[in-house]
Structures are given as C-alpha cells and as structure tokens.
C-alpha cells in the first residue's frame, strides 16, 4: 500500500473535522492490519494509519438492521416498480443502447434485466450512496458481530481493489453496506466481475455506465444465467400452494415435481425445468410464483426473492414501454 494514498486521505479528513464521530476499535484494527500484512504484503503501520481515519457510523448500523427487504411484498414492490423508474429505465436504455446491445451479445443477458437491476440498485446511477466505503465497511467489519466475518472479508477485498486500481480508499463512496457505484457491487464482486467494457483501461463502475452495464451482465453470466429461458412463472390458484411454498430460494424440485403435488404454472413451460415456489404477500391476498434458474441467478445479486421479482417486474414494464415507444404510429 502506497503511503501517498494515506497522506491524501489524511489531508481530506483533517480538512473536514466535522466528519469524525467515533473511531473504529483499535485492537481490531491492529489485528486486521497485521493479518493484511501477513496475507497480502500490506504495510501494517500504514494500514493502521489509514483505518484510524475511518469513522464508526451508528447510521450504518441502524440502516443494516432495517433493510427494505423486511417490508411485505406489496410495500417493497411499490418502492421500485414505479412509473418514474420505468420511464427512467427506458431513457437509460435509449442513452446506452450500444453498450446494452453489446452486453447482451457478449453475455446473453437480456437488455431489460441489465437495465432493471441498475434501476433497482441506484435509479440508474442517481442514488449510488453517500457513505465513504471505508467508513461503512469499517463499521460493519468491527462493530456488527452478526456479520462481522463477511464484512471483514469485504474490507479486505476493498483494500486490495484500491491497491490494484490505484485509487484513494478514502475517496470512494457507496451504500451503508459498502456496495459501490452504478451497479452497487460489493468489493469482492468488483474484483471478480467488474469489466472495462469501454476499453479505456479502467474498471470504473462509478462514473462510466458502459462499465456498469458490462459488469452487471458479466456477473449474471458468471452465476449461471441461461439465455432464452424463462425467469418466473405465475402459479395457478390451488389448495396445495401454501404447503408447497419455500422459505428459501433453492431449486430442489422440477415443475414436474410440483405438478405431481397439484401445483401448476399459469402458462406452459418445460416440465424438467428446476423451480422453487415462493409466496408473496399482497395487500389483500398472497401471490405464488415459480422462480426458475435465472430467477435464482438474480438472487445471487441480492439474496432476497422480493428483490428478484421486483427486478423482473420492473424489467417487463421497461420492455413494454420501449416496445410502445418504438411501435409504428397509426396514420
């Protein structure tokens, strides 16, 4: 780790003393820094200096304890599948059509899915987060015991990517959970799946929509996206629905297996497709949907089945709007 980065970071923080609240746990920092030196060759003293600039943020701890995914489905959907976000998706698609088409051709992921993920994540880059990633990850790595191991790994990955990409670790901003840029990649996802899609020599998912688009498509392909396959199917009404619904998104059955239990989709699909049946709480009734392989892949981006269905429904709405905009006008 170059000391010059730490000096720049120190100047930034000293110039903004109001940012400082409470420091991270000193003993935890010392142990982490020594481990980073042993494993990755970082200068432990310099890393301790950097991490001493990070702030423990109670707002981060509060936010992660009440994620949107705890809301019932009808409230969660209303956050993301809105006319404004549909129009924004169509506009983003038009503005970035060349890169979106190139991503589809290279990775096989439909344009509307790429656009919808970016729409759900950051409203097409408008809401990419205002937390310093170093603060968010430091807070969660050392002051959130429930998932400290996960966030400590992400902090490790973040420091590695800033070294590799030669960027200031204090300058990068993201969500309260440390997700970054237009597509909200965690550091480990960035290191594995971010791509330089505009071929300018940098993987810039913060300011370059092309890199964000290519990176989302690469991520989904890397997790097993299968082109030309359905994503979800609405289940037909039936008494067996509740007993067959799953709490987790695991594809342990086929549509044929569900058919034997009296549960069927409302449209024809290949019986051998792997599927999971999921329940979604509506305002007045419960909806049941089959999630297939590509649905499971979307949940690798965010583990919530509510997230995945919101992406699919936003994608469908964006695609329909684009089709109507491109339809020939009646004479």
Protein backbone atom coordinates (compact mmCIF):
# COMPACT_ATOMS: atom_id res chain seq x y z
CA UNK A 1 0.00 0.00 0.00
CA UNK A 2 1.43 3.34 -1.01
CA UNK A 3 1.84 5.88 1.77
CA UNK A 4 0.93 8.64 -0.67
CA UNK A 5 -2.67 7.40 -0.62
CA UNK A 6 -2.75 7.62 3.15
CA UNK A 7 -1.33 11.14 3.12
CA UNK A 8 -4.01 12.26 0.69
CA UNK A 9 -6.64 10.60 2.88
CA UNK A 10 -5.26 12.27 5.99
CA UNK A 11 -5.41 15.71 4.39
CA UNK A 12 -9.04 15.12 3.38
CA UNK A 13 -10.11 14.07 6.86
CA UNK A 14 -8.20 16.81 8.66
CA UNK A 15 -9.82 19.35 6.37
CA UNK A 16 -13.25 18.03 7.39
CA UNK A 17 -13.11 17.50 11.16
CA UNK A 18 -16.91 17.55 11.44
CA UNK A 19 -16.96 14.17 9.68
CA UNK A 20 -15.20 12.47 12.59
CA UNK A 21 -17.51 10.82 15.13
CA UNK A 22 -16.11 7.74 16.82
CA UNK A 23 -13.06 5.76 15.80
CA UNK A 24 -13.06 2.09 14.99
CA UNK A 25 -11.95 -0.40 17.62
CA UNK A 26 -8.18 -0.02 17.95
CA UNK A 27 -7.46 -3.64 18.91
CA UNK A 28 -9.50 -4.90 15.97
CA UNK A 29 -7.65 -2.55 13.62
CA UNK A 30 -4.26 -3.75 14.89
CA UNK A 31 -5.14 -7.42 14.42
CA UNK A 32 -6.64 -6.84 10.99
CA UNK A 33 -3.65 -4.79 9.82
CA UNK A 34 -1.18 -7.45 10.88
CA UNK A 35 -3.21 -10.11 9.08
CA UNK A 36 -3.30 -7.99 5.91
CA UNK A 37 0.48 -7.61 6.12
CA UNK A 38 0.95 -11.35 6.52
CA UNK A 39 -1.52 -12.36 3.82
CA UNK A 40 -1.19 -9.62 1.21
CA UNK A 41 2.03 -7.78 1.96
CA UNK A 42 0.47 -4.53 3.17
CA UNK A 43 2.47 -2.24 5.43
CA UNK A 44 0.74 -2.84 8.77
CA UNK A 45 1.69 0.55 10.22
CA UNK A 46 0.45 2.38 7.13
CA UNK A 47 -2.77 0.38 7.13
CA UNK A 48 -3.38 1.17 10.80
CA UNK A 49 -2.87 4.82 9.89
CA UNK A 50 -5.45 4.56 7.12
CA UNK A 51 -8.02 2.74 9.23
CA UNK A 52 -7.59 5.29 12.01
CA UNK A 53 -9.20 7.74 9.59
CA UNK A 54 -12.35 5.63 9.32
CA UNK A 55 -15.39 6.57 11.35
CA UNK A 56 -17.75 4.27 13.20
CA UNK A 57 -21.21 5.27 11.97
CA UNK A 58 -24.31 4.48 14.01
CA UNK A 59 -26.41 5.36 10.95
CA UNK A 60 -24.83 2.39 9.13
CA UNK A 61 -25.67 0.03 11.99
CA UNK A 62 -29.23 1.36 12.09
CA UNK A 63 -29.71 1.02 8.33
CA UNK A 64 -28.46 -2.55 8.10
CA UNK A 65 -30.77 -3.63 10.90
CA UNK A 66 -33.84 -2.47 8.92
CA UNK A 67 -33.34 -3.33 5.24
CA UNK A 68 -36.15 -2.73 2.76
CA UNK A 69 -36.44 -6.49 2.27
CA UNK A 70 -38.18 -6.78 5.66
CA UNK A 71 -41.23 -4.99 4.23
CA UNK A 72 -44.18 -7.01 2.91
CA UNK A 73 -44.08 -7.61 -0.84
CA UNK A 74 -46.70 -5.05 -1.82
CA UNK A 75 -44.80 -2.30 0.04
CA UNK A 76 -41.42 -3.44 -1.26
CA UNK A 77 -42.66 -3.55 -4.86
CA UNK A 78 -44.06 -0.05 -4.57
CA UNK A 79 -40.57 1.30 -3.89
CA UNK A 80 -39.05 0.01 -7.11
CA UNK A 81 -41.74 -0.68 -9.70
CA UNK A 82 -42.95 2.86 -10.26
CA UNK A 83 -43.84 4.90 -13.36
CA UNK A 84 -40.84 7.13 -12.73
CA UNK A 85 -38.43 4.22 -12.55
CA UNK A 86 -40.00 2.61 -15.63
CA UNK A 87 -39.59 5.85 -17.61
CA UNK A 88 -36.07 6.23 -16.26
CA UNK A 89 -35.24 2.72 -17.41
CA UNK A 90 -36.49 3.36 -20.93
CA UNK A 91 -34.45 6.57 -21.06
CA UNK A 92 -31.31 4.83 -19.74
CA UNK A 93 -31.78 2.11 -22.35
CA UNK A 94 -32.01 4.63 -25.18
CA UNK A 95 -28.98 6.58 -23.95
CA UNK A 96 -26.84 3.45 -23.58
CA UNK A 97 -28.30 1.25 -26.31
CA UNK A 98 -24.97 0.45 -27.96
CA UNK A 99 -23.37 -0.79 -24.75
CA UNK A 100 -26.51 -2.64 -23.64
CA UNK A 101 -26.76 -4.42 -27.01
CA UNK A 102 -23.05 -5.29 -26.82
CA UNK A 103 -23.51 -6.71 -23.31
CA UNK A 104 -26.44 -8.84 -24.47
CA UNK A 105 -24.46 -10.15 -27.42
CA UNK A 106 -21.43 -10.97 -25.27
CA UNK A 107 -23.06 -12.32 -22.11
CA UNK A 108 -26.55 -13.40 -23.20
CA UNK A 109 -28.37 -11.38 -20.52
CA UNK A 110 -31.48 -9.54 -21.79
CA UNK A 111 -31.24 -5.78 -22.03
CA UNK A 112 -34.25 -5.18 -19.82
CA UNK A 113 -32.77 -7.26 -16.98
CA UNK A 114 -29.48 -5.33 -17.07
CA UNK A 115 -31.38 -2.04 -17.06
CA UNK A 116 -33.78 -3.11 -14.30
CA UNK A 117 -31.01 -4.21 -11.94
CA UNK A 118 -29.33 -0.83 -12.33
CA UNK A 119 -32.73 0.79 -11.85
CA UNK A 120 -33.48 -1.06 -8.62
CA UNK A 121 -29.96 -0.61 -7.30
CA UNK A 122 -29.39 3.10 -7.88
CA UNK A 123 -32.19 4.53 -10.06
CA UNK A 124 -29.76 4.45 -13.00
CA UNK A 125 -26.87 5.91 -11.08
CA UNK A 126 -28.69 8.75 -9.34
CA UNK A 127 -28.66 7.15 -5.87
CA UNK A 128 -25.30 5.40 -5.64
CA UNK A 129 -24.76 6.19 -1.95
CA UNK A 130 -23.04 8.92 0.03
CA UNK A 131 -21.22 6.86 2.64
CA UNK A 132 -17.46 6.57 2.45
CA UNK A 133 -16.91 2.91 1.72
CA UNK A 134 -14.09 2.80 4.23
CA UNK A 135 -16.42 4.05 6.98
CA UNK A 136 -19.26 1.68 6.07
CA UNK A 137 -17.11 -1.43 5.82
CA UNK A 138 -15.01 -0.50 8.84
CA UNK A 139 -18.14 -0.03 10.94
CA UNK A 140 -19.64 -3.33 9.86
CA UNK A 141 -16.38 -5.28 9.99
CA UNK A 142 -15.57 -4.28 13.57
CA UNK A 143 -18.89 -3.26 15.15
CA UNK A 144 -21.53 -5.58 13.69
CA UNK A 145 -20.86 -9.01 15.23
CA UNK A 146 -23.77 -10.67 13.42
CA UNK A 147 -21.95 -10.45 10.06
CA UNK A 148 -18.50 -9.27 11.05
CA UNK A 149 -16.74 -12.08 9.20
CA UNK A 150 -18.47 -11.24 5.92
CA UNK A 151 -17.76 -7.52 6.15
CA UNK A 152 -14.20 -8.05 7.28
CA UNK A 153 -13.66 -10.05 4.11
CA UNK A 154 -15.25 -7.25 2.10
CA UNK A 155 -12.98 -4.71 3.77
CA UNK A 156 -10.02 -6.90 2.81
CA UNK A 157 -11.28 -7.04 -0.77
CA UNK A 158 -11.86 -3.29 -0.80
CA UNK A 159 -8.28 -2.55 0.22
CA UNK A 160 -6.99 -4.96 -2.41
CA UNK A 161 -9.06 -3.35 -5.16
CA UNK A 162 -7.93 0.17 -4.22
CA UNK A 163 -4.34 -1.02 -4.43
CA UNK A 164 -4.94 -2.77 -7.75
CA UNK A 165 -6.94 0.07 -9.30
CA UNK A 166 -4.65 2.75 -7.78
CA UNK A 167 -7.50 4.74 -6.24
CA UNK A 168 -7.74 6.57 -2.93
CA UNK A 169 -9.52 4.30 -0.41
CA UNK A 170 -10.96 7.31 1.41
CA UNK A 171 -12.43 8.90 -1.71
CA UNK A 172 -14.74 6.07 -2.82
CA UNK A 173 -18.38 6.28 -1.77
CA UNK A 174 -21.20 3.78 -1.73
CA UNK A 175 -24.14 2.43 0.25
CA UNK A 176 -24.42 1.87 4.00
CA UNK A 177 -23.34 -1.75 3.34
CA UNK A 178 -20.30 -0.80 1.28
CA UNK A 179 -21.86 -1.50 -2.14
CA UNK A 180 -20.32 0.69 -4.80
CA UNK A 181 -21.07 2.55 -7.98
CA UNK A 182 -23.90 2.49 -10.51
CA UNK A 183 -24.48 -1.28 -10.11
CA UNK A 184 -23.73 -1.38 -6.35
CA UNK A 185 -21.04 -4.04 -6.41
CA UNK A 186 -19.54 -5.22 -3.16
CA UNK A 187 -15.71 -5.16 -3.29
CA UNK A 188 -15.42 -8.91 -3.79
CA UNK A 189 -17.85 -8.74 -6.70
CA UNK A 190 -15.91 -5.85 -8.20
CA UNK A 191 -12.64 -7.76 -8.13
CA UNK A 192 -14.23 -10.83 -9.73
CA UNK A 193 -16.84 -9.48 -12.13
CA UNK A 194 -16.24 -5.80 -12.91
CA UNK A 195 -15.12 -5.29 -16.51
CA UNK A 196 -13.57 -2.48 -18.51
CA UNK A 197 -16.39 -2.57 -21.04
CA UNK A 198 -15.50 0.69 -22.79
CA UNK A 199 -11.84 -0.40 -23.11
CA UNK A 200 -10.35 2.78 -21.64
CA UNK A 201 -8.00 0.89 -19.32
CA UNK A 202 -10.09 1.33 -16.14
CA UNK A 203 -12.94 -0.54 -14.49
CA UNK A 204 -14.96 2.50 -13.48
CA UNK A 205 -18.42 1.47 -12.24
CA UNK A 206 -18.84 4.85 -10.51
CA UNK A 207 -18.83 7.18 -13.49
CA UNK A 208 -18.94 5.01 -16.64
CA UNK A 209 -22.33 3.46 -17.48
CA UNK A 210 -20.66 1.20 -20.06
CA UNK A 211 -18.52 -0.45 -17.39
CA UNK A 212 -21.54 -0.79 -15.09
CA UNK A 213 -23.62 -2.38 -17.85
CA UNK A 214 -20.93 -4.85 -18.84
CA UNK A 215 -20.18 -5.69 -15.22
CA UNK A 216 -23.82 -6.48 -14.38
CA UNK A 217 -24.10 -8.76 -17.40
CA UNK A 218 -20.79 -10.46 -16.61
CA UNK A 219 -21.91 -11.01 -13.01
CA UNK A 220 -25.14 -12.70 -14.06
CA UNK A 221 -23.44 -14.83 -16.69
CA UNK A 222 -20.81 -15.81 -14.14
CA UNK A 223 -23.52 -17.03 -11.78
CA UNK A 224 -25.13 -19.26 -14.38
CA UNK A 225 -27.52 -17.18 -16.48
CA UNK A 226 -29.11 -19.32 -19.21
CA UNK A 227 -30.16 -17.33 -22.31
CA UNK A 228 -33.65 -17.79 -23.74
CA UNK A 229 -35.03 -19.39 -20.58
CA UNK A 230 -37.99 -18.07 -18.55
CA UNK A 231 -37.28 -16.39 -15.23
CA UNK A 232 -40.55 -16.62 -13.30
CA UNK A 233 -43.97 -18.16 -13.84
CA UNK A 234 -47.16 -17.24 -12.02
CA UNK A 235 -48.70 -20.20 -10.22
CA UNK A 236 -52.31 -21.14 -10.89
CA UNK A 237 -54.71 -20.98 -7.93
CA UNK A 238 -54.94 -24.18 -5.92
CA UNK A 239 -55.24 -25.60 -2.42
CA UNK A 240 -51.71 -27.05 -2.39
CA UNK A 241 -49.90 -23.74 -2.94
CA UNK A 242 -49.23 -22.83 0.68
CA UNK A 243 -47.92 -26.29 1.56
CA UNK A 244 -45.50 -26.29 -1.38
CA UNK A 245 -44.11 -22.76 -0.93
CA UNK A 246 -40.49 -22.45 0.18
CA UNK A 247 -38.81 -20.09 2.62
CA UNK A 248 -35.54 -20.21 0.68
CA UNK A 249 -34.61 -19.83 -2.98
CA UNK A 250 -33.26 -23.31 -3.59
CA UNK A 251 -34.11 -25.17 -6.80
CA UNK A 252 -34.69 -28.61 -5.30
CA UNK A 253 -37.69 -29.60 -7.45
CA UNK A 254 -38.80 -29.51 -11.08
CA UNK A 255 -42.07 -28.21 -12.47
CA UNK A 256 -42.98 -31.87 -12.98
CA UNK A 257 -42.49 -32.49 -9.25
CA UNK A 258 -44.81 -29.61 -8.41
CA UNK A 259 -47.36 -30.89 -10.93
CA UNK A 260 -47.45 -34.20 -9.05
CA UNK A 261 -48.39 -32.19 -5.94
CA UNK A 262 -51.17 -30.39 -7.80
CA UNK A 263 -49.32 -27.10 -8.32
CA UNK A 264 -49.03 -25.74 -11.86
CA UNK A 265 -47.90 -22.56 -13.63
CA UNK A 266 -50.48 -20.49 -15.47
CA UNK A 267 -48.56 -20.85 -18.74
CA UNK A 268 -46.88 -23.72 -20.49
CA UNK A 269 -43.25 -24.46 -19.57
CA UNK A 270 -40.89 -27.40 -19.90
CA UNK A 271 -41.67 -29.84 -17.10
CA UNK A 272 -37.99 -30.63 -16.47
CA UNK A 273 -37.11 -27.04 -15.51
CA UNK A 274 -35.84 -26.68 -11.94
CA UNK A 275 -38.03 -24.41 -9.86
CA UNK A 276 -38.93 -23.10 -6.44
CA UNK A 277 -42.38 -21.93 -5.36
CA UNK A 278 -42.42 -18.66 -3.44
CA UNK A 279 -45.20 -16.78 -1.65
CA UNK A 280 -45.56 -13.00 -1.92
CA UNK A 281 -47.77 -11.05 0.46
CA UNK A 282 -50.14 -8.75 -1.42
CA UNK A 283 -52.47 -6.14 0.06
CA UNK A 284 -55.43 -8.50 0.18
CA UNK A 285 -54.12 -11.91 -0.88
CA UNK A 286 -50.98 -13.95 -1.36
CA UNK A 287 -49.38 -14.38 -4.79
CA UNK A 288 -47.43 -17.53 -5.64
CA UNK A 289 -44.64 -17.52 -8.22
CA UNK A 290 -42.32 -20.18 -9.55
CA UNK A 291 -38.72 -18.99 -9.64
CA UNK A 292 -36.57 -20.76 -12.22
CA UNK A 293 -32.81 -20.89 -12.82
CA UNK A 294 -32.44 -17.29 -13.98
CA UNK A 295 -34.52 -16.11 -11.02
CA UNK A 296 -32.06 -17.90 -8.75
CA UNK A 297 -29.20 -16.17 -10.60
CA UNK A 298 -30.74 -12.75 -9.88
CA UNK A 299 -30.85 -13.67 -6.18
CA UNK A 300 -27.08 -14.07 -6.28
CA UNK A 301 -27.02 -10.30 -6.78
CA UNK A 302 -29.30 -9.82 -3.77
CA UNK A 303 -30.44 -12.87 -1.81
CA UNK A 304 -34.00 -11.59 -1.34
CA UNK A 305 -36.70 -13.21 -3.52
CA UNK A 306 -38.56 -9.91 -3.26
CA UNK A 307 -35.62 -8.18 -4.89
CA UNK A 308 -35.53 -10.69 -7.74
CA UNK A 309 -39.24 -10.41 -8.51
CA UNK A 310 -39.06 -6.60 -8.36
CA UNK A 311 -36.23 -6.72 -10.92
CA UNK A 312 -38.27 -8.99 -13.21
CA UNK A 313 -41.42 -6.89 -12.98
CA UNK A 314 -39.54 -3.63 -13.50
CA UNK A 315 -37.76 -5.21 -16.47
CA UNK A 316 -41.06 -6.28 -18.01
CA UNK A 317 -42.53 -2.80 -17.57
CA UNK A 318 -39.47 -1.14 -19.11
CA UNK A 319 -39.52 -3.54 -22.04
CA UNK A 320 -43.24 -2.87 -22.63
CA UNK A 321 -42.67 0.90 -22.57
CA UNK A 322 -39.77 0.62 -25.02
CA UNK A 323 -41.93 -1.50 -27.32
CA UNK A 324 -44.75 1.03 -27.24
CA UNK A 325 -42.33 3.88 -27.93
CA UNK A 326 -40.93 2.02 -30.93
CA UNK A 327 -44.29 0.87 -32.28
CA UNK A 328 -45.38 2.37 -35.64
CA UNK A 329 -47.77 5.25 -35.19
CA UNK A 330 -51.26 4.84 -36.60
CA UNK A 331 -51.97 7.01 -39.62
